Amino acid sequence: MYEIIFLKELYADTNLTIHAGYINQDKKAPSRSKVVSLKEGHQILLFFQPKTPHMLFTLRTSARYRHVLNNLFCVTASPVGPIMTIHDKKLPEHAGQKLHQWLNHELQVLGL
């Protein structure tokens, strides 16, 4: 089981909302006998929430967007390379610039 964590809303209009976030797959409790080491962080994904049937159709029929939950889609292939969170689940400053570039790229792909 996993949960989707939204870190920041990047874009919103009448057709679509785009969030930066990650999929938390660490839902299992750690064993008491093992020392839990700090993770390097989570890979940031862009999550797309369509608000109209047309945008839902666009995301559903595009090979770029993977359906993750109900009407929520994500794209994992960042044109600027992987973007990671740090230990306290916040984005480093340089990640904001990469996210902005990635967002602009995806908006162009969608014709927005």
N, C-alpha and C. Protein backbone atom coordinates (compact mmCIF):
# COMPACT_ATOMS: atom_id res chain seq x y z
N MET A 1 0.84 -1.19 0.00
CA MET A 1 0.00 0.00 0.00
C MET A 1 0.88 1.25 0.00
N TYR A 2 0.39 2.30 -0.59
CA TYR A 2 1.15 3.53 -0.64
C TYR A 2 0.21 4.71 -0.50
N GLU A 3 0.79 5.86 -0.23
CA GLU A 3 0.01 7.09 -0.18
C GLU A 3 0.70 8.15 -1.01
N ILE A 4 -0.09 9.07 -1.54
CA ILE A 4 0.44 10.16 -2.35
C ILE A 4 0.51 11.40 -1.47
N ILE A 5 1.70 12.00 -1.42
CA ILE A 5 1.93 13.19 -0.62
C ILE A 5 2.09 14.38 -1.56
N PHE A 6 1.22 15.38 -1.43
CA PHE A 6 1.38 16.61 -2.20
C PHE A 6 2.22 17.58 -1.39
N LEU A 7 3.25 18.15 -2.02
CA LEU A 7 4.11 19.11 -1.36
C LEU A 7 3.72 20.54 -1.69
N LYS A 8 3.27 20.76 -2.93
CA LYS A 8 3.03 22.13 -3.38
C LYS A 8 2.13 22.12 -4.60
N GLU A 9 1.16 23.05 -4.62
CA GLU A 9 0.36 23.23 -5.84
C GLU A 9 1.14 24.15 -6.76
N LEU A 10 1.35 23.71 -7.99
CA LEU A 10 2.16 24.46 -8.94
C LEU A 10 1.33 25.22 -9.96
N TYR A 11 0.14 24.70 -10.26
CA TYR A 11 -0.66 25.29 -11.33
C TYR A 11 -2.13 24.94 -11.09
N ALA A 12 -3.01 25.89 -11.37
CA ALA A 12 -4.44 25.62 -11.28
C ALA A 12 -5.18 26.53 -12.24
N ASP A 13 -6.10 25.96 -13.00
CA ASP A 13 -7.03 26.73 -13.81
C ASP A 13 -8.36 25.97 -13.83
N THR A 14 -9.25 26.34 -14.73
CA THR A 14 -10.57 25.70 -14.74
C THR A 14 -10.53 24.27 -15.28
N ASN A 15 -9.44 23.88 -15.96
CA ASN A 15 -9.32 22.54 -16.54
C ASN A 15 -8.49 21.57 -15.73
N LEU A 16 -7.52 22.10 -14.96
CA LEU A 16 -6.48 21.24 -14.44
C LEU A 16 -5.81 21.84 -13.21
N THR A 17 -5.43 20.97 -12.28
CA THR A 17 -4.57 21.35 -11.16
C THR A 17 -3.33 20.45 -11.21
N ILE A 18 -2.16 21.05 -11.00
CA ILE A 18 -0.91 20.29 -11.00
C ILE A 18 -0.22 20.49 -9.66
N HIS A 19 0.13 19.37 -9.03
CA HIS A 19 0.83 19.37 -7.74
C HIS A 19 2.19 18.72 -7.90
N ALA A 20 3.15 19.19 -7.14
CA ALA A 20 4.42 18.47 -6.97
C ALA A 20 4.26 17.60 -5.74
N GLY A 21 4.74 16.39 -5.81
CA GLY A 21 4.62 15.49 -4.67
C GLY A 21 5.41 14.23 -4.90
N TYR A 22 5.12 13.24 -4.08
CA TYR A 22 5.80 11.95 -4.22
C TYR A 22 4.89 10.84 -3.72
N ILE A 23 5.26 9.62 -4.09
CA ILE A 23 4.52 8.45 -3.63
C ILE A 23 5.28 7.87 -2.45
N ASN A 24 4.64 7.83 -1.31
CA ASN A 24 5.26 7.29 -0.10
C ASN A 24 4.96 5.80 -0.03
N GLN A 25 5.99 5.00 -0.23
CA GLN A 25 5.82 3.55 -0.19
C GLN A 25 6.36 2.97 1.12
N ASP A 26 6.68 3.83 2.07
CA ASP A 26 7.28 3.39 3.33
C ASP A 26 6.23 3.30 4.44
N LYS A 27 5.13 2.63 4.15
CA LYS A 27 4.04 2.56 5.12
C LYS A 27 4.27 1.47 6.17
N LYS A 28 5.21 0.55 5.93
CA LYS A 28 5.44 -0.54 6.88
C LYS A 28 6.22 -0.03 8.08
N ALA A 29 5.88 -0.53 9.23
CA ALA A 29 6.61 -0.16 10.45
C ALA A 29 7.97 -0.85 10.43
N PRO A 30 9.04 -0.13 10.80
CA PRO A 30 10.36 -0.76 10.82
C PRO A 30 10.47 -1.80 11.93
N SER A 31 11.30 -2.76 11.70
CA SER A 31 11.55 -3.79 12.71
C SER A 31 12.30 -3.17 13.89
N ARG A 32 11.94 -3.59 15.09
CA ARG A 32 12.58 -3.02 16.28
C ARG A 32 14.02 -3.47 16.44
N SER A 33 14.36 -4.57 15.82
CA SER A 33 15.72 -5.10 15.99
C SER A 33 16.72 -4.45 15.04
N LYS A 34 16.24 -3.70 14.06
CA LYS A 34 17.14 -3.10 13.09
C LYS A 34 17.21 -1.59 13.30
N VAL A 35 18.38 -1.05 13.03
CA VAL A 35 18.56 0.40 13.09
C VAL A 35 18.00 0.99 11.80
N VAL A 36 17.15 1.97 11.94
CA VAL A 36 16.56 2.61 10.77
C VAL A 36 17.51 3.69 10.28
N SER A 37 17.94 3.58 9.03
CA SER A 37 18.83 4.59 8.48
C SER A 37 18.00 5.67 7.78
N LEU A 38 18.57 6.86 7.73
CA LEU A 38 17.88 7.95 7.06
C LEU A 38 17.85 7.71 5.56
N LYS A 39 16.74 8.03 4.98
CA LYS A 39 16.59 7.90 3.53
C LYS A 39 17.20 9.11 2.85
N GLU A 40 17.53 8.97 1.60
CA GLU A 40 18.05 10.09 0.82
C GLU A 40 16.95 11.05 0.41
N GLY A 41 15.72 10.63 0.55
CA GLY A 41 14.60 11.46 0.14
C GLY A 41 13.72 10.72 -0.84
N HIS A 42 12.74 11.42 -1.36
CA HIS A 42 11.80 10.84 -2.31
C HIS A 42 11.92 11.55 -3.64
N GLN A 43 11.70 10.82 -4.72
CA GLN A 43 11.71 11.44 -6.04
C GLN A 43 10.41 12.20 -6.24
N ILE A 44 10.55 13.45 -6.68
CA ILE A 44 9.39 14.31 -6.91
C ILE A 44 8.74 13.96 -8.25
N LEU A 45 7.42 13.92 -8.25
CA LEU A 45 6.64 13.68 -9.44
C LEU A 45 5.68 14.85 -9.62
N LEU A 46 5.17 15.01 -10.82
CA LEU A 46 4.09 15.96 -11.05
C LEU A 46 2.79 15.18 -11.12
N PHE A 47 1.82 15.62 -10.32
CA PHE A 47 0.50 14.98 -10.28
C PHE A 47 -0.53 15.90 -10.92
N PHE A 48 -1.31 15.35 -11.82
CA PHE A 48 -2.29 16.10 -12.60
C PHE A 48 -3.70 15.68 -12.19
N GLN A 49 -4.51 16.65 -11.80
CA GLN A 49 -5.90 16.42 -11.43
C GLN A 49 -6.79 17.14 -12.44
N PRO A 50 -7.39 16.40 -13.39
CA PRO A 50 -8.25 17.06 -14.37
C PRO A 50 -9.56 17.51 -13.73
N LYS A 51 -10.07 18.64 -14.20
CA LYS A 51 -11.33 19.18 -13.68
C LYS A 51 -12.45 19.12 -14.73
N THR A 52 -12.10 18.78 -15.96
CA THR A 52 -13.10 18.70 -17.03
C THR A 52 -12.99 17.35 -17.73
N PRO A 53 -14.08 16.89 -18.35
CA PRO A 53 -14.01 15.62 -19.11
C PRO A 53 -12.99 15.66 -20.24
N HIS A 54 -12.84 16.82 -20.89
CA HIS A 54 -11.86 16.93 -21.98
C HIS A 54 -10.43 16.72 -21.47
N MET A 55 -10.09 17.34 -20.34
CA MET A 55 -8.74 17.18 -19.79
C MET A 55 -8.54 15.75 -19.27
N LEU A 56 -9.55 15.16 -18.70
CA LEU A 56 -9.47 13.76 -18.27
C LEU A 56 -9.16 12.86 -19.47
N PHE A 57 -9.86 13.09 -20.58
CA PHE A 57 -9.62 12.32 -21.79
C PHE A 57 -8.20 12.53 -22.31
N THR A 58 -7.73 13.77 -22.29
CA THR A 58 -6.38 14.09 -22.75
C THR A 58 -5.33 13.34 -21.94
N LEU A 59 -5.46 13.37 -20.62
CA LEU A 59 -4.49 12.69 -19.77
C LEU A 59 -4.59 11.17 -19.90
N ARG A 60 -5.82 10.68 -20.01
CA ARG A 60 -6.04 9.23 -20.07
C ARG A 60 -5.49 8.63 -21.37
N THR A 61 -5.55 9.39 -22.46
CA THR A 61 -5.14 8.85 -23.76
C THR A 61 -3.68 9.14 -24.11
N SER A 62 -3.02 9.95 -23.31
CA SER A 62 -1.61 10.25 -23.57
C SER A 62 -0.73 9.20 -22.91
N ALA A 63 0.28 8.75 -23.65
CA ALA A 63 1.20 7.76 -23.09
C ALA A 63 2.13 8.37 -22.04
N ARG A 64 2.18 9.69 -21.94
CA ARG A 64 3.07 10.36 -20.98
C ARG A 64 2.59 10.22 -19.54
N TYR A 65 1.28 10.14 -19.35
CA TYR A 65 0.71 10.26 -18.01
C TYR A 65 0.22 8.91 -17.51
N ARG A 66 0.65 8.57 -16.31
CA ARG A 66 0.30 7.29 -15.70
C ARG A 66 -0.83 7.51 -14.70
N HIS A 67 -1.86 6.71 -14.80
CA HIS A 67 -2.99 6.79 -13.89
C HIS A 67 -2.57 6.20 -12.55
N VAL A 68 -2.70 6.98 -11.46
CA VAL A 68 -2.26 6.48 -10.15
C VAL A 68 -3.40 6.27 -9.17
N LEU A 69 -4.45 7.09 -9.23
CA LEU A 69 -5.50 6.98 -8.23
C LEU A 69 -6.72 7.74 -8.72
N ASN A 70 -7.88 7.08 -8.76
CA ASN A 70 -9.11 7.70 -9.24
C ASN A 70 -8.83 8.51 -10.50
N ASN A 71 -9.04 9.81 -10.48
CA ASN A 71 -8.74 10.65 -11.64
C ASN A 71 -7.46 11.45 -11.42
N LEU A 72 -6.46 10.82 -10.85
CA LEU A 72 -5.18 11.46 -10.61
C LEU A 72 -4.12 10.77 -11.47
N PHE A 73 -3.35 11.58 -12.18
CA PHE A 73 -2.33 11.07 -13.09
C PHE A 73 -0.98 11.66 -12.69
N CYS A 74 0.10 10.96 -13.04
CA CYS A 74 1.41 11.52 -12.76
C CYS A 74 2.31 11.33 -13.97
N VAL A 75 3.34 12.14 -14.02
CA VAL A 75 4.38 12.00 -15.02
C VAL A 75 5.71 11.91 -14.27
N THR A 76 6.52 10.94 -14.66
CA THR A 76 7.75 10.67 -13.92
C THR A 76 9.00 11.10 -14.68
N ALA A 77 8.89 11.28 -16.00
CA ALA A 77 10.06 11.58 -16.80
C ALA A 77 10.32 13.08 -16.83
N SER A 78 11.16 13.53 -15.93
CA SER A 78 11.49 14.95 -15.87
C SER A 78 12.52 15.30 -16.93
N PRO A 79 12.27 16.34 -17.73
CA PRO A 79 13.26 16.74 -18.74
C PRO A 79 14.50 17.39 -18.13
N VAL A 80 14.47 17.68 -16.83
CA VAL A 80 15.59 18.36 -16.17
C VAL A 80 16.33 17.42 -15.22
N GLY A 81 16.04 16.13 -15.29
CA GLY A 81 16.68 15.17 -14.40
C GLY A 81 15.88 14.96 -13.13
N PRO A 82 16.25 13.98 -12.34
CA PRO A 82 15.49 13.67 -11.13
C PRO A 82 15.51 14.81 -10.13
N ILE A 83 14.39 15.01 -9.46
CA ILE A 83 14.26 16.03 -8.41
C ILE A 83 13.89 15.27 -7.14
N MET A 84 14.65 15.52 -6.08
CA MET A 84 14.45 14.77 -4.84
C MET A 84 14.12 15.70 -3.69
N THR A 85 13.37 15.17 -2.71
CA THR A 85 13.19 15.89 -1.45
C THR A 85 14.42 15.63 -0.59
N ILE A 86 14.51 16.36 0.53
CA ILE A 86 15.55 16.07 1.50
C ILE A 86 14.90 15.38 2.69
N HIS A 87 15.66 15.08 3.72
CA HIS A 87 15.17 14.25 4.83
C HIS A 87 13.90 14.77 5.48
N ASP A 88 13.76 16.08 5.62
CA ASP A 88 12.57 16.58 6.32
C ASP A 88 11.41 16.83 5.36
N LYS A 89 11.49 16.21 4.19
CA LYS A 89 10.41 16.23 3.20
C LYS A 89 10.11 17.62 2.67
N LYS A 90 11.13 18.44 2.59
CA LYS A 90 10.99 19.76 1.98
C LYS A 90 11.85 19.79 0.73
N LEU A 91 11.45 20.63 -0.20
CA LEU A 91 12.22 20.74 -1.44
C LEU A 91 13.43 21.63 -1.23
N PRO A 92 14.62 21.21 -1.67
CA PRO A 92 15.77 22.10 -1.65
C PRO A 92 15.53 23.28 -2.59
N GLU A 93 16.25 24.36 -2.38
CA GLU A 93 16.02 25.56 -3.19
C GLU A 93 16.23 25.32 -4.68
N HIS A 94 17.28 24.60 -5.05
CA HIS A 94 17.54 24.37 -6.47
C HIS A 94 16.43 23.54 -7.13
N ALA A 95 15.69 22.76 -6.33
CA ALA A 95 14.61 21.95 -6.89
C ALA A 95 13.46 22.82 -7.39
N GLY A 96 13.27 23.99 -6.79
CA GLY A 96 12.21 24.89 -7.22
C GLY A 96 12.41 25.34 -8.66
N GLN A 97 13.64 25.63 -9.04
CA GLN A 97 13.93 26.04 -10.41
C GLN A 97 13.68 24.89 -11.38
N LYS A 98 14.11 23.70 -11.00
CA LYS A 98 13.89 22.53 -11.86
C LYS A 98 12.39 22.26 -12.01
N LEU A 99 11.65 22.38 -10.91
CA LEU A 99 10.20 22.16 -10.97
C LEU A 99 9.54 23.16 -11.91
N HIS A 100 9.96 24.41 -11.85
CA HIS A 100 9.38 25.45 -12.71
C HIS A 100 9.64 25.12 -14.19
N GLN A 101 10.86 24.67 -14.51
CA GLN A 101 11.18 24.29 -15.88
C GLN A 101 10.33 23.10 -16.33
N TRP A 102 10.19 22.12 -15.45
CA TRP A 102 9.41 20.92 -15.76
C TRP A 102 7.94 21.29 -15.98
N LEU A 103 7.41 22.13 -15.10
CA LEU A 103 6.02 22.57 -15.21
C LEU A 103 5.79 23.27 -16.55
N ASN A 104 6.68 24.18 -16.92
CA ASN A 104 6.54 24.88 -18.20
C ASN A 104 6.55 23.91 -19.37
N HIS A 105 7.42 22.91 -19.30
CA HIS A 105 7.50 21.89 -20.34
C HIS A 105 6.17 21.14 -20.46
N GLU A 106 5.61 20.71 -19.33
CA GLU A 106 4.36 19.94 -19.36
C GLU A 106 3.19 20.79 -19.84
N LEU A 107 3.17 22.07 -19.47
CA LEU A 107 2.10 22.95 -19.94
C LEU A 107 2.18 23.12 -21.46
N GLN A 108 3.40 23.20 -22.00
CA GLN A 108 3.56 23.29 -23.46
C GLN A 108 3.06 22.00 -24.13
N VAL A 109 3.41 20.86 -23.55
CA VAL A 109 2.98 19.57 -24.10
C VAL A 109 1.46 19.50 -24.15
N LEU A 110 0.81 20.01 -23.10
CA LEU A 110 -0.66 19.98 -23.02
C LEU A 110 -1.31 21.12 -23.80
N GLY A 111 -0.51 22.02 -24.34
CA GLY A 111 -1.05 23.14 -25.10
C GLY A 111 -1.71 24.21 -24.23
N LEU A 112 -1.22 24.38 -23.00
CA LEU A 112 -1.79 25.37 -22.08
C LEU A 112 -0.86 26.56 -21.93
